[in-house]
Amino acid sequence: MRKLILLLFFFPFILNAQDLTGFWKGKLTQDSGGYAPQYVLELNITQKNKKITGVSNAYLGNVVVGKLSFSGYFEKDSIYLSEFRYGVIEKILPPDYFLCIKNFILKYKNTVGLETLTGRWDGSTYAKDELGIDELFTDVFGDKREVLECVPGLISLSKNDSLHIQTTVPTQYQAFADSLNQTKVNLIEEVDVENQVIQIAINDYEKVDGDKITIIFNGDTIAEKVMVRKNPETFTLELSKQFINNELLIYAENLGRIPPNTCSITVIDGDKTHVIYLSSDFKYTGAIYFNFKGHK
């Protein structure tokens, strides 16, 4: 009985004695309503006794990057980390997107030498930091506010990326050529989609006049010299597992009897549909980008 009591007595000190110093990598998820459902998260941690300092780096390819200093501490069996509002090292954001200053509440686990940190995060974004001192955020009720709460989510990390924790959506963007067969690629529309496999249905939205097209997806020809008819022809597209953005090109093989070459493209994304009207000719090839964001 004495041995059991001693084990129970000393157990609370095991976590506090654990050194978290090192590189941790995994994913940060964001609940419904956030910009994206998942991001890559890296923490470089330095620990001295119960005090923790370091640098966090949350990113979505090269489109969203938030690199900040943080500090924290142990409290019983939990780890509390908070980024510094004025500790921004690097910030890359899309238009109208604001940086979250995050707080983490994490649990440490060591299973046969595999060390993990899991938990939740929340945070805030500050109007004076993002918009300037004389501007404020407008919330959903139309009220002006200096601080907005970020959409929170979950954290899953492993030390030295030992578990190779993967996000369920790609985190990189690919670059596309700006020309095809002596035509300039003309981006008609970008569409955010939730499913990795989508369908497109193509037909002529004006008078059927003998238009022929070649369909190219992420550089691969999926159909050549297709006659654009009144009745839609359907194709299945599997989006990239590596890159967020995907390119669909509609190359005009002719101009039909009534230039330019025109078609209607219905995008079927699960239970959602998008209709896009596209034209191509011998100078311009019409393009659509599909950005895979996963389910929110």
Protein backbone atom coordinates (compact mmCIF):
# COMPACT_ATOMS: atom_id res chain seq x y z
CA MET A 1 0.00 0.00 0.00
CA ARG A 2 2.84 2.40 0.78
CA LYS A 3 4.30 1.99 -2.72
CA LEU A 4 0.91 2.82 -4.28
CA ILE A 5 0.55 5.92 -2.10
CA LEU A 6 4.02 7.08 -3.09
CA LEU A 7 3.22 6.64 -6.79
CA LEU A 8 0.05 8.64 -6.46
CA PHE A 9 1.82 11.32 -4.45
CA PHE A 10 4.57 11.83 -6.99
CA PHE A 11 2.42 11.56 -10.14
CA PRO A 12 1.55 15.32 -10.32
CA PHE A 13 5.24 16.14 -10.62
CA ILE A 14 5.83 13.91 -13.66
CA LEU A 15 4.32 16.43 -16.09
CA ASN A 16 6.07 19.35 -14.45
CA ALA A 17 9.39 17.49 -14.75
CA GLN A 18 8.82 16.77 -18.43
CA ASP A 19 10.84 19.01 -20.73
CA LEU A 20 8.77 20.18 -23.69
CA THR A 21 11.70 22.00 -25.29
CA GLY A 22 11.86 21.29 -29.01
CA PHE A 23 9.95 21.38 -32.28
CA TRP A 24 6.30 20.32 -32.42
CA LYS A 25 4.22 20.02 -35.58
CA GLY A 26 0.67 19.03 -36.49
CA LYS A 27 -2.63 20.71 -37.27
CA LEU A 28 -4.88 23.46 -36.00
CA THR A 29 -8.55 23.10 -36.88
CA GLN A 30 -11.14 25.88 -36.96
CA ASP A 31 -14.82 25.38 -36.24
CA SER A 32 -17.56 26.26 -38.74
CA GLY A 33 -17.43 29.89 -39.80
CA GLY A 34 -13.64 30.21 -39.96
CA TYR A 35 -11.61 31.03 -43.06
CA ALA A 36 -10.53 27.40 -43.51
CA PRO A 37 -11.22 24.19 -41.57
CA GLN A 38 -7.55 23.29 -40.99
CA TYR A 39 -4.08 24.81 -40.92
CA VAL A 40 -0.59 23.48 -40.32
CA LEU A 41 0.69 24.45 -36.86
CA GLU A 42 4.30 24.47 -35.65
CA LEU A 43 5.49 25.29 -32.15
CA ASN A 44 9.15 25.86 -31.24
CA ILE A 45 9.16 25.56 -27.45
CA THR A 46 11.75 26.45 -24.83
CA GLN A 47 10.98 25.35 -21.27
CA LYS A 48 12.69 26.38 -18.03
CA ASN A 49 11.07 24.72 -15.04
CA LYS A 50 7.36 25.55 -15.35
CA LYS A 51 7.90 28.57 -17.60
CA ILE A 52 7.46 28.15 -21.36
CA THR A 53 8.38 30.50 -24.20
CA GLY A 54 8.61 30.08 -27.93
CA VAL A 55 7.37 30.84 -31.44
CA SER A 56 4.18 29.58 -33.10
CA ASN A 57 3.65 29.35 -36.85
CA ALA A 58 0.17 28.63 -38.24
CA TYR A 59 -0.12 28.57 -42.03
CA LEU A 60 -2.22 27.57 -45.01
CA GLY A 61 0.27 27.28 -47.84
CA ASN A 62 1.70 30.72 -48.59
CA VAL A 63 -1.70 32.43 -48.47
CA VAL A 64 -2.22 32.54 -44.69
CA VAL A 65 0.78 32.80 -42.37
CA GLY A 66 0.70 33.89 -38.73
CA LYS A 67 4.04 33.60 -36.94
CA LEU A 68 4.09 34.95 -33.37
CA SER A 69 5.98 34.79 -30.07
CA PHE A 70 4.22 33.19 -27.11
CA SER A 71 4.73 32.36 -23.46
CA GLY A 72 3.02 30.04 -21.01
CA TYR A 73 3.17 27.79 -17.98
CA PHE A 74 2.12 24.49 -16.41
CA GLU A 75 -0.90 24.37 -14.13
CA LYS A 76 -1.62 20.92 -12.65
CA ASP A 77 -1.93 18.62 -15.68
CA SER A 78 -2.51 21.35 -18.32
CA ILE A 79 -0.26 23.58 -20.40
CA TYR A 80 -1.39 27.17 -21.02
CA LEU A 81 0.17 29.15 -23.89
CA SER A 82 -0.71 32.66 -25.12
CA GLU A 83 0.60 34.49 -28.16
CA PHE A 84 1.70 38.11 -27.74
CA ARG A 85 -0.48 40.72 -29.38
CA TYR A 86 2.64 42.72 -30.28
CA GLY A 87 4.77 39.64 -30.90
CA VAL A 88 4.01 39.23 -34.61
CA ILE A 89 7.08 37.98 -36.48
CA GLU A 90 5.44 37.33 -39.86
CA LYS A 91 1.94 37.98 -41.18
CA ILE A 92 0.57 37.07 -44.62
CA LEU A 93 -3.20 37.35 -45.02
CA PRO A 94 -5.80 37.43 -47.80
CA PRO A 95 -7.84 40.63 -48.19
CA ASP A 96 -10.35 41.23 -45.37
CA TYR A 97 -8.80 38.47 -43.25
CA PHE A 98 -7.55 39.31 -39.76
CA LEU A 99 -4.84 37.74 -37.63
CA CYS A 100 -5.96 35.77 -34.56
CA ILE A 101 -3.91 36.20 -31.39
CA LYS A 102 -4.33 32.70 -30.00
CA ASN A 103 -4.50 31.01 -26.62
CA PHE A 104 -3.83 27.27 -26.26
CA ILE A 105 -4.87 24.84 -23.51
CA LEU A 106 -3.02 21.58 -24.11
CA LYS A 107 -2.50 18.14 -22.58
CA TYR A 108 0.82 16.31 -22.83
CA LYS A 109 1.06 12.57 -23.47
CA ASN A 110 4.03 10.23 -23.87
CA THR A 111 3.19 6.81 -25.32
CA VAL A 112 6.19 4.54 -25.78
CA GLY A 113 8.40 7.51 -26.60
CA LEU A 114 5.85 9.26 -28.87
CA GLU A 115 5.16 12.68 -27.36
CA THR A 116 1.97 14.54 -28.27
CA LEU A 117 0.17 17.75 -27.35
CA THR A 118 -3.58 17.97 -27.88
CA GLY A 119 -6.26 20.44 -26.82
CA ARG A 120 -8.25 23.49 -27.86
CA TRP A 121 -7.50 27.06 -28.86
CA ASP A 122 -9.36 30.34 -28.95
CA GLY A 123 -8.30 33.91 -29.60
CA SER A 124 -9.09 37.48 -30.54
CA THR A 125 -8.31 39.93 -33.31
CA TYR A 126 -7.79 43.64 -32.62
CA ALA A 127 -9.15 46.44 -34.77
CA LYS A 128 -6.39 48.93 -33.95
CA ASP A 129 -3.76 46.38 -34.99
CA GLU A 130 -5.51 45.35 -38.22
CA LEU A 131 -7.41 48.42 -39.45
CA GLY A 132 -5.68 51.42 -37.92
CA ILE A 133 -6.39 53.45 -34.84
CA ASP A 134 -9.44 55.28 -36.19
CA GLU A 135 -11.31 52.25 -37.53
CA LEU A 136 -13.34 49.57 -35.77
CA PHE A 137 -14.79 46.18 -36.64
CA THR A 138 -18.46 45.89 -37.46
CA ASP A 139 -20.04 42.78 -35.92
CA VAL A 140 -23.04 40.80 -37.20
CA PHE A 141 -25.39 43.21 -35.41
CA GLY A 142 -23.86 46.27 -37.06
CA ASP A 143 -22.18 47.45 -33.86
CA LYS A 144 -18.64 48.85 -33.87
CA ARG A 145 -16.12 46.92 -31.77
CA GLU A 146 -12.39 47.10 -31.09
CA VAL A 147 -12.02 43.36 -30.46
CA LEU A 148 -13.63 40.37 -32.18
CA GLU A 149 -13.45 36.79 -30.97
CA CYS A 150 -11.91 34.31 -33.43
CA VAL A 151 -13.66 31.09 -34.41
CA PRO A 152 -11.92 28.53 -32.13
CA GLY A 153 -10.88 24.94 -32.79
CA LEU A 154 -8.65 21.99 -31.88
CA ILE A 155 -4.90 21.35 -31.70
CA SER A 156 -3.03 18.10 -32.45
CA LEU A 157 0.79 18.08 -32.41
CA SER A 158 3.65 15.61 -32.09
CA LYS A 159 7.22 16.32 -31.06
CA ASN A 160 9.64 16.49 -34.00
CA ASP A 161 6.64 15.70 -36.24
CA SER A 162 7.11 12.06 -35.23
CA LEU A 163 3.50 11.11 -36.01
CA HIS A 164 3.46 13.03 -39.31
CA ILE A 165 0.04 14.40 -38.45
CA GLN A 166 -1.64 15.37 -41.71
CA THR A 167 -4.37 17.86 -42.37
CA THR A 168 -7.41 16.50 -44.23
CA VAL A 169 -7.15 19.32 -46.76
CA PRO A 170 -4.11 20.41 -48.80
CA THR A 171 -2.10 23.36 -47.50
CA GLN A 172 -0.14 24.43 -50.59
CA TYR A 173 -1.02 26.42 -53.71
CA GLN A 174 0.29 25.55 -57.17
CA ALA A 175 1.25 27.97 -59.93
CA PHE A 176 -0.36 27.71 -63.37
CA ALA A 177 0.90 28.78 -66.78
CA ASP A 178 -0.58 31.99 -68.17
CA SER A 179 -0.80 30.69 -71.74
CA LEU A 180 -1.85 27.59 -73.68
CA ASN A 181 -1.13 26.86 -77.35
CA GLN A 182 -0.49 30.55 -78.14
CA THR A 183 -3.65 31.67 -76.30
CA LYS A 184 -3.73 33.66 -73.08
CA VAL A 185 -5.39 31.92 -70.13
CA ASN A 186 -8.33 34.02 -68.96
CA LEU A 187 -9.54 33.26 -65.40
CA ILE A 188 -13.34 33.49 -65.46
CA GLU A 189 -14.17 32.44 -61.91
CA GLU A 190 -12.82 30.87 -58.70
CA VAL A 191 -15.06 28.40 -56.88
CA ASP A 192 -14.57 27.07 -53.33
CA VAL A 193 -15.61 23.42 -53.13
CA GLU A 194 -16.10 21.04 -50.21
CA ASN A 195 -15.63 17.65 -51.88
CA GLN A 196 -12.44 16.15 -53.27
CA VAL A 197 -14.40 14.59 -56.15
CA ILE A 198 -16.75 16.84 -58.11
CA GLN A 199 -18.63 16.67 -61.38
CA ILE A 200 -18.99 19.16 -64.20
CA ALA A 201 -21.76 19.15 -66.79
CA ILE A 202 -21.02 21.07 -70.02
CA ASN A 203 -23.51 22.23 -72.63
CA ASP A 204 -24.01 25.18 -75.00
CA TYR A 205 -25.96 27.94 -73.26
CA GLU A 206 -26.58 29.85 -76.50
CA LYS A 207 -27.58 28.53 -79.91
CA VAL A 208 -25.92 25.21 -80.68
CA ASP A 209 -23.55 26.08 -83.51
CA GLY A 210 -20.95 23.35 -83.73
CA ASP A 211 -18.52 24.50 -81.00
CA LYS A 212 -15.74 22.00 -80.21
CA ILE A 213 -13.60 22.17 -77.06
CA THR A 214 -10.75 20.35 -75.37
CA ILE A 215 -11.01 20.04 -71.58
CA ILE A 216 -7.79 20.20 -69.55
CA PHE A 217 -7.69 19.69 -65.78
CA ASN A 218 -4.51 20.39 -63.77
CA GLY A 219 -2.47 20.02 -66.95
CA ASP A 220 -4.00 16.71 -68.06
CA THR A 221 -6.32 16.46 -71.07
CA ILE A 222 -9.49 14.70 -69.92
CA ALA A 223 -11.50 15.08 -73.14
CA GLU A 224 -10.42 16.19 -76.61
CA LYS A 225 -12.46 17.86 -79.38
CA VAL A 226 -15.75 17.49 -77.53
CA MET A 227 -18.83 18.76 -79.37
CA VAL A 228 -20.74 21.22 -77.18
CA ARG A 229 -24.38 20.23 -77.47
CA LYS A 230 -27.70 21.23 -75.96
CA ASN A 231 -27.78 18.14 -73.73
CA PRO A 232 -25.04 18.32 -71.04
CA GLU A 233 -22.05 16.00 -71.10
CA THR A 234 -20.78 15.12 -67.62
CA PHE A 235 -17.20 14.62 -66.43
CA THR A 236 -15.86 13.61 -63.01
CA LEU A 237 -12.89 15.53 -61.60
CA GLU A 238 -10.73 14.42 -58.67
CA LEU A 239 -9.13 17.45 -57.07
CA SER A 240 -5.49 17.44 -56.04
CA LYS A 241 -4.63 15.90 -52.67
CA GLN A 242 -1.50 18.06 -52.51
CA PHE A 243 -2.66 21.49 -53.67
CA ILE A 244 -5.62 23.65 -52.65
CA ASN A 245 -6.15 25.18 -56.09
CA ASN A 246 -7.08 23.24 -59.24
CA GLU A 247 -7.33 24.54 -62.80
CA LEU A 248 -9.94 23.67 -65.41
CA LEU A 249 -9.21 24.95 -68.93
CA ILE A 250 -11.69 25.04 -71.81
CA TYR A 251 -9.65 25.31 -75.00
CA ALA A 252 -11.49 26.31 -78.20
CA GLU A 253 -10.83 23.88 -81.05
CA ASN A 254 -13.01 26.04 -83.32
CA LEU A 255 -15.32 29.05 -83.08
CA GLY A 256 -18.44 27.33 -84.38
CA ARG A 257 -20.73 29.18 -86.74
CA ILE A 258 -21.22 32.05 -84.24
CA PRO A 259 -17.99 33.18 -82.52
CA PRO A 260 -16.81 32.95 -79.81
CA ASN A 261 -16.83 29.38 -78.54
CA THR A 262 -19.30 29.33 -75.61
CA CYS A 263 -20.46 26.82 -73.02
CA SER A 264 -22.28 26.57 -69.72
CA ILE A 265 -20.53 24.61 -66.95
CA THR A 266 -22.57 23.29 -64.03
CA VAL A 267 -20.34 22.33 -61.10
CA ILE A 268 -21.82 19.63 -58.86
CA ASP A 269 -20.17 19.73 -55.41
CA GLY A 270 -22.07 17.23 -53.28
CA ASP A 271 -25.51 18.78 -52.76
CA LYS A 272 -24.33 22.20 -54.00
CA THR A 273 -24.20 23.43 -57.58
CA HIS A 274 -22.55 26.40 -59.33
CA VAL A 275 -23.28 27.52 -62.88
CA ILE A 276 -20.54 29.30 -64.82
CA TYR A 277 -20.80 30.74 -68.33
CA LEU A 278 -17.52 30.58 -70.19
CA SER A 279 -16.23 31.63 -73.60
CA SER A 280 -12.98 30.92 -75.41
CA ASP A 281 -11.52 31.84 -78.79
CA PHE A 282 -8.21 31.72 -80.62
CA LYS A 283 -6.75 34.45 -78.39
CA TYR A 284 -8.10 33.45 -74.96
CA THR A 285 -8.64 30.13 -73.21
CA GLY A 286 -11.26 30.25 -70.47
CA ALA A 287 -10.23 28.98 -67.03
CA ILE A 288 -11.96 28.11 -63.76
CA TYR A 289 -10.09 27.57 -60.49
CA PHE A 290 -11.51 25.11 -57.96
CA ASN A 291 -10.20 25.74 -54.43
CA PHE A 292 -10.65 22.72 -52.19
CA LYS A 293 -11.52 23.92 -48.68
CA GLY A 294 -13.13 20.77 -47.28
CA HIS A 295 -16.27 20.68 -45.17
CA LYS A 296 -16.72 23.57 -42.76
